[in-house]
N, C-alpha and C. Protein backbone atom coordinates (compact mmCIF):
# COMPACT_ATOMS: atom_id res chain seq x y z
N UNK A 1 47.18 -69.99 -150.56
CA UNK A 1 45.20 -69.23 -150.01
C UNK A 1 45.19 -68.40 -151.27
N UNK A 2 43.76 -68.63 -151.49
CA UNK A 2 43.23 -67.75 -152.37
C UNK A 2 41.51 -66.47 -151.44
N UNK A 3 42.50 -65.64 -151.82
CA UNK A 3 41.88 -63.79 -151.19
C UNK A 3 41.18 -63.76 -152.67
N UNK A 4 39.83 -62.49 -152.30
CA UNK A 4 38.99 -61.81 -152.50
C UNK A 4 39.17 -60.69 -152.32
N UNK A 5 38.75 -59.61 -153.73
CA UNK A 5 38.57 -58.10 -152.53
C UNK A 5 37.45 -56.91 -153.28
N UNK A 6 36.29 -57.13 -152.16
CA UNK A 6 35.06 -56.36 -152.57
C UNK A 6 35.16 -54.76 -152.31
N UNK A 7 34.99 -53.58 -153.81
CA UNK A 7 35.22 -52.22 -152.86
C UNK A 7 33.45 -52.26 -152.95
N UNK A 8 32.98 -51.56 -152.05
CA UNK A 8 31.46 -50.77 -151.89
C UNK A 8 31.20 -49.68 -151.67
N UNK A 9 30.21 -49.00 -152.48
CA UNK A 9 30.19 -47.35 -152.02
C UNK A 9 28.78 -47.21 -150.73
N UNK A 10 29.19 -46.96 -149.94
CA UNK A 10 28.11 -47.10 -149.19
C UNK A 10 27.62 -45.17 -148.65
N UNK A 11 26.41 -45.04 -148.21
CA UNK A 11 25.77 -43.28 -148.70
C UNK A 11 25.07 -43.56 -147.26
N UNK A 12 25.39 -43.14 -146.25
CA UNK A 12 24.62 -43.21 -145.19
C UNK A 12 24.37 -42.11 -143.73
N UNK A 13 24.11 -41.64 -142.85
CA UNK A 13 23.94 -40.81 -141.49
C UNK A 13 24.85 -41.68 -140.73
N UNK A 14 25.52 -40.63 -140.16
CA UNK A 14 25.62 -41.68 -138.80
C UNK A 14 25.97 -40.73 -137.48
N UNK A 15 25.70 -40.56 -136.21
CA UNK A 15 26.47 -39.94 -134.63
C UNK A 15 27.04 -40.36 -134.67
N UNK A 16 28.71 -39.47 -133.96
CA UNK A 16 29.10 -40.73 -132.96
C UNK A 16 28.27 -39.73 -131.59
N UNK A 17 28.90 -40.70 -130.82
CA UNK A 17 29.01 -40.10 -129.55
C UNK A 17 30.63 -40.96 -128.49
N UNK A 18 30.53 -38.71 -127.90
CA UNK A 18 31.87 -38.66 -128.04
C UNK A 18 31.92 -38.24 -126.46
N UNK A 19 33.73 -38.21 -125.79
CA UNK A 19 32.95 -37.54 -124.26
C UNK A 19 34.25 -36.27 -124.28
N UNK A 20 33.57 -35.43 -126.06
CA UNK A 20 34.27 -34.88 -125.91
C UNK A 20 33.61 -33.36 -127.31
N UNK A 21 33.20 -31.96 -126.96
CA UNK A 21 32.78 -31.19 -128.04
C UNK A 21 34.01 -31.69 -129.40
N UNK A 22 32.23 -32.28 -130.08
CA UNK A 22 32.26 -32.40 -131.99
C UNK A 22 31.23 -31.92 -132.39
N UNK A 23 32.00 -31.54 -133.70
CA UNK A 23 31.33 -31.74 -134.69
C UNK A 23 30.20 -32.75 -135.65
N UNK A 24 31.11 -33.92 -134.85
CA UNK A 24 31.03 -35.15 -135.31
C UNK A 24 29.61 -35.44 -134.57
N UNK A 25 29.46 -34.93 -133.28
CA UNK A 25 28.19 -35.74 -132.57
C UNK A 25 26.92 -35.23 -133.09
N UNK A 26 27.09 -34.21 -134.29
CA UNK A 26 25.81 -33.82 -134.32
C UNK A 26 25.06 -35.73 -135.89
N UNK A 27 24.13 -35.21 -136.52
CA UNK A 27 23.99 -35.65 -137.54
C UNK A 27 24.67 -36.07 -138.77
N UNK A 28 24.99 -36.61 -139.79
CA UNK A 28 26.53 -35.78 -140.54
C UNK A 28 26.18 -37.33 -141.19
N UNK A 29 26.21 -37.67 -142.77
CA UNK A 29 26.10 -38.06 -143.23
C UNK A 29 27.34 -38.26 -144.10
N UNK A 30 27.68 -39.17 -144.66
CA UNK A 30 28.90 -39.78 -145.45
C UNK A 30 28.87 -40.52 -146.32
N UNK A 31 29.11 -41.10 -147.96
CA UNK A 31 30.00 -41.69 -148.55
C UNK A 31 30.84 -42.46 -148.44
N UNK A 32 30.80 -43.19 -148.52
CA UNK A 32 32.20 -44.59 -147.42
C UNK A 32 32.59 -45.39 -148.79
N UNK A 33 33.51 -45.26 -148.59
CA UNK A 33 34.32 -46.67 -149.72
C UNK A 33 34.60 -47.64 -148.65
N UNK A 34 33.54 -48.93 -148.85
CA UNK A 34 34.49 -49.60 -148.22
C UNK A 34 34.69 -51.16 -148.81
N UNK A 35 36.62 -51.66 -148.40
CA UNK A 35 36.76 -52.62 -149.24
C UNK A 35 37.28 -53.05 -148.46
N UNK A 36 36.34 -54.82 -148.99
CA UNK A 36 36.65 -55.97 -147.56
C UNK A 36 37.21 -57.37 -148.39
N UNK A 37 38.44 -57.49 -147.86
CA UNK A 37 39.20 -59.13 -148.03
C UNK A 37 38.97 -60.02 -147.59
N UNK A 38 38.65 -61.03 -147.88
CA UNK A 38 38.14 -62.59 -147.84
C UNK A 38 39.71 -63.09 -147.67
N UNK A 39 40.43 -64.01 -147.09
CA UNK A 39 40.48 -65.62 -147.14
C UNK A 39 39.90 -66.67 -147.47
N UNK A 40 41.04 -67.91 -147.80
CA UNK A 40 40.07 -69.18 -147.66
C UNK A 40 41.24 -70.19 -148.60
N UNK A 41 41.91 -71.00 -147.40
CA UNK A 41 42.86 -72.25 -147.64
C UNK A 41 42.23 -72.64 -149.08
N UNK A 42 41.05 -72.90 -148.78
CA UNK A 42 40.55 -74.20 -150.04
C UNK A 42 39.61 -73.50 -150.11
N UNK A 43 38.59 -73.53 -151.85
CA UNK A 43 37.44 -72.59 -151.85
C UNK A 43 36.15 -73.93 -151.75
N UNK A 44 35.17 -73.06 -151.40
CA UNK A 44 33.52 -73.23 -152.09
C UNK A 44 33.19 -74.63 -152.54
N UNK A 45 32.24 -75.51 -152.44
CA UNK A 45 31.83 -76.14 -153.38
C UNK A 45 31.80 -75.68 -155.63
N UNK A 46 31.38 -73.77 -154.96
CA UNK A 46 31.20 -73.60 -155.76
C UNK A 46 32.32 -73.05 -156.55
N UNK A 47 33.28 -72.73 -155.85
CA UNK A 47 34.30 -72.53 -156.43
C UNK A 47 34.70 -71.75 -155.79
N UNK A 48 34.29 -71.31 -155.17
CA UNK A 48 34.17 -69.87 -154.17
C UNK A 48 35.02 -69.34 -152.73
N UNK A 49 35.82 -68.37 -152.83
CA UNK A 49 36.06 -67.91 -151.65
C UNK A 49 34.64 -68.07 -150.50
N UNK A 50 33.51 -66.13 -150.89
CA UNK A 50 32.85 -65.93 -150.96
C UNK A 50 30.86 -65.30 -152.42
N UNK A 51 30.57 -65.32 -152.50
CA UNK A 51 30.28 -64.39 -153.60
C UNK A 51 30.16 -63.80 -153.01
N UNK A 52 30.78 -62.92 -154.55
CA UNK A 52 30.34 -61.40 -154.39
C UNK A 52 28.72 -60.22 -153.56
N UNK A 53 27.71 -61.49 -154.41
CA UNK A 53 27.12 -60.79 -153.56
C UNK A 53 27.13 -61.68 -152.88
N UNK A 54 27.29 -62.21 -151.67
CA UNK A 54 26.39 -61.71 -150.41
C UNK A 54 27.01 -60.58 -149.37
N UNK A 55 28.59 -60.51 -149.75
CA UNK A 55 29.51 -59.21 -149.94
C UNK A 55 28.31 -58.24 -149.45
N UNK A 56 28.42 -58.08 -151.13
CA UNK A 56 26.97 -57.28 -151.02
C UNK A 56 26.30 -56.85 -150.02
N UNK A 57 25.74 -58.11 -150.15
CA UNK A 57 24.04 -58.41 -149.14
C UNK A 57 24.43 -58.03 -148.42
N UNK A 58 25.03 -58.68 -147.77
CA UNK A 58 25.32 -58.30 -145.37
C UNK A 58 26.21 -56.92 -145.72
N UNK A 59 26.30 -56.06 -146.59
CA UNK A 59 27.32 -55.10 -146.09
C UNK A 59 26.81 -53.85 -147.30
N UNK A 60 26.04 -53.73 -148.14
CA UNK A 60 26.01 -52.38 -148.79
C UNK A 60 24.22 -52.96 -149.45
N UNK A 61 23.97 -53.77 -149.15
CA UNK A 61 22.19 -53.78 -148.46
C UNK A 61 22.12 -53.76 -147.30
N UNK A 62 22.45 -54.04 -146.19
CA UNK A 62 22.21 -53.45 -145.17
C UNK A 62 22.37 -52.26 -144.63
N UNK A 63 23.79 -51.13 -144.87
CA UNK A 63 23.94 -50.06 -144.91
C UNK A 63 23.38 -48.95 -145.45
N UNK A 64 23.59 -49.38 -146.21
CA UNK A 64 23.52 -47.96 -147.75
C UNK A 64 22.36 -47.08 -147.19
N UNK A 65 22.12 -45.73 -146.99
CA UNK A 65 20.26 -44.77 -147.05
C UNK A 65 20.24 -45.74 -145.58
N UNK A 66 21.00 -45.63 -145.10
CA UNK A 66 20.22 -46.24 -143.63
C UNK A 66 20.81 -45.19 -142.20
N UNK A 67 20.16 -45.44 -141.22
CA UNK A 67 21.87 -44.44 -140.76
C UNK A 67 22.02 -45.44 -139.33
N UNK A 68 23.34 -45.38 -139.77
CA UNK A 68 23.92 -45.55 -139.05
C UNK A 68 24.42 -46.94 -137.87
N UNK A 69 23.64 -45.79 -136.68
CA UNK A 69 23.77 -45.99 -136.19
C UNK A 69 22.31 -47.03 -135.33
N UNK A 70 21.09 -46.36 -136.13
CA UNK A 70 20.36 -46.93 -136.72
C UNK A 70 20.85 -49.68 -136.22
N UNK A 71 21.66 -49.66 -137.23
CA UNK A 71 21.98 -50.24 -138.05
C UNK A 71 22.93 -51.65 -136.67
N UNK A 72 24.14 -50.57 -136.11
CA UNK A 72 24.95 -51.36 -136.14
C UNK A 72 24.35 -50.77 -134.00
N UNK A 73 23.47 -50.43 -134.05
CA UNK A 73 22.62 -50.80 -132.09
C UNK A 73 23.46 -49.58 -131.48
N UNK A 74 24.43 -50.87 -129.83
CA UNK A 74 25.06 -50.51 -129.17
C UNK A 74 26.17 -49.83 -129.52
N UNK A 75 26.75 -49.68 -130.96
CA UNK A 75 28.12 -49.79 -131.13
C UNK A 75 28.34 -48.41 -131.12
N UNK A 76 28.93 -47.27 -131.13
CA UNK A 76 29.47 -46.19 -131.89
C UNK A 76 29.62 -46.17 -132.94
N UNK A 77 29.40 -45.34 -133.53
CA UNK A 77 29.87 -45.97 -135.30
C UNK A 77 30.97 -45.30 -135.87
N UNK A 78 32.46 -44.89 -135.08
CA UNK A 78 32.58 -44.77 -135.53
C UNK A 78 33.30 -45.19 -137.14
N UNK A 79 33.99 -44.92 -137.62
CA UNK A 79 34.97 -46.20 -138.11
C UNK A 79 35.58 -47.64 -138.74
N UNK A 80 36.46 -47.24 -136.74
CA UNK A 80 37.11 -48.33 -137.00
C UNK A 80 36.06 -48.97 -136.45
N UNK A 81 34.54 -49.42 -135.42
CA UNK A 81 34.47 -49.84 -134.95
C UNK A 81 33.14 -49.67 -136.34
N UNK A 82 33.00 -49.71 -137.54
CA UNK A 82 32.46 -49.63 -138.29
C UNK A 82 32.91 -51.66 -139.33
N UNK A 83 34.06 -50.93 -139.10
CA UNK A 83 35.35 -51.80 -139.96
C UNK A 83 35.13 -53.17 -139.34
N UNK A 84 35.08 -53.09 -137.61
CA UNK A 84 35.83 -54.64 -137.73
C UNK A 84 33.25 -54.99 -137.38
N UNK A 85 32.69 -54.29 -137.89
CA UNK A 85 31.11 -54.72 -137.37
C UNK A 85 31.11 -55.45 -138.76
N UNK A 86 31.63 -54.79 -139.96
CA UNK A 86 31.74 -55.93 -141.27
C UNK A 86 32.10 -56.48 -141.20
N UNK A 87 33.21 -56.63 -140.08
CA UNK A 87 34.04 -58.12 -140.91
C UNK A 87 33.93 -59.12 -140.06
N UNK A 88 33.31 -58.40 -138.88
CA UNK A 88 31.79 -59.96 -137.94
C UNK A 88 31.03 -60.39 -139.09
N UNK A 89 30.44 -59.43 -139.55
CA UNK A 89 29.00 -59.62 -140.15
C UNK A 89 29.60 -60.45 -141.32
N UNK A 90 30.55 -60.45 -141.90
CA UNK A 90 31.16 -61.05 -142.99
C UNK A 90 31.41 -62.64 -142.02
N UNK A 91 32.17 -63.07 -140.65
CA UNK A 91 32.59 -64.70 -140.46
C UNK A 91 33.90 -64.39 -140.33
N UNK A 92 34.80 -65.93 -141.13
CA UNK A 92 36.10 -65.78 -140.35
C UNK A 92 36.73 -65.70 -141.86
N UNK A 93 36.10 -65.52 -143.22
CA UNK A 93 36.72 -65.20 -144.02
C UNK A 93 37.36 -64.03 -144.01
N UNK A 94 36.20 -63.15 -143.45
CA UNK A 94 36.96 -62.25 -143.93
C UNK A 94 37.71 -61.87 -142.37
N UNK A 95 39.41 -60.81 -143.48
CA UNK A 95 40.10 -60.33 -142.89
C UNK A 95 40.53 -59.53 -142.44
N UNK A 96 40.79 -58.75 -143.33
CA UNK A 96 41.06 -57.17 -143.56
C UNK A 96 39.77 -56.60 -144.52
N UNK A 97 39.18 -55.39 -143.37
CA UNK A 97 37.95 -53.58 -143.70
C UNK A 97 38.35 -52.27 -143.44
N UNK A 98 38.60 -52.31 -144.39
CA UNK A 98 39.45 -50.42 -144.69
C UNK A 98 37.67 -50.41 -145.72
N UNK A 99 38.04 -48.91 -143.79
CA UNK A 99 36.92 -47.86 -144.31
C UNK A 99 37.00 -46.39 -144.38
N UNK A 100 36.57 -45.81 -145.79
CA UNK A 100 37.10 -44.61 -145.99
C UNK A 100 35.64 -43.32 -145.85
N UNK A 101 35.62 -42.92 -144.62
CA UNK A 101 34.72 -42.10 -143.85
C UNK A 101 34.73 -40.75 -144.55
N UNK A 102 35.65 -40.01 -145.41
CA UNK A 102 36.17 -38.65 -146.08
C UNK A 102 37.31 -39.34 -147.27
N UNK A 103 37.57 -38.25 -147.35
CA UNK A 103 39.35 -36.91 -148.08
C UNK A 103 40.25 -38.07 -147.49
N UNK A 104 41.34 -39.14 -147.38
CA UNK A 104 41.45 -39.24 -146.18
C UNK A 104 42.59 -39.73 -144.98
N UNK A 105 40.99 -39.68 -144.47
CA UNK A 105 40.74 -40.36 -143.72
C UNK A 105 40.06 -41.67 -143.76
N UNK A 106 40.89 -43.09 -143.19
CA UNK A 106 40.87 -44.18 -144.05
C UNK A 106 40.90 -44.83 -142.80
N UNK A 107 40.32 -46.24 -142.01
CA UNK A 107 40.19 -46.41 -140.38
C UNK A 107 40.16 -48.37 -141.02
N UNK A 108 41.07 -48.82 -140.26
CA UNK A 108 41.34 -50.72 -141.25
C UNK A 108 40.85 -51.73 -139.62
N UNK A 109 40.70 -52.40 -140.28
CA UNK A 109 40.43 -53.73 -139.30
C UNK A 109 40.60 -55.17 -139.45
N UNK A 110 41.65 -55.45 -138.85
CA UNK A 110 42.59 -57.00 -139.91
C UNK A 110 42.50 -57.58 -137.82
N UNK A 111 42.17 -58.46 -138.74
CA UNK A 111 41.70 -59.58 -137.49
C UNK A 111 43.83 -60.39 -137.23
N UNK A 112 43.89 -61.01 -136.18
CA UNK A 112 44.88 -61.87 -136.44
C UNK A 112 44.91 -62.73 -136.71
């Protein structure tokens, strides 16, 4: 099994939709740290699991300096939902995504 990981830093705004009062319902921003993990039993014709540039384009290129709510559509832009959204954007080789929203607050999505 081959595994690659890529660390990305994304600066963006978001606004949570919650059923309780919270300051996170207000428009605010973070400097997210995102770590993407991909794996495959076999390498592609270029000898890669996935090109690091593709990960950067699909994730950093879409999220950096954006309003996350606009990018993710109707999905509530929690760190947990962002992690799953990122995994889905990258496809089946992506088995784990970690989204660090702020110091000490990390959400992880792992495929079964």
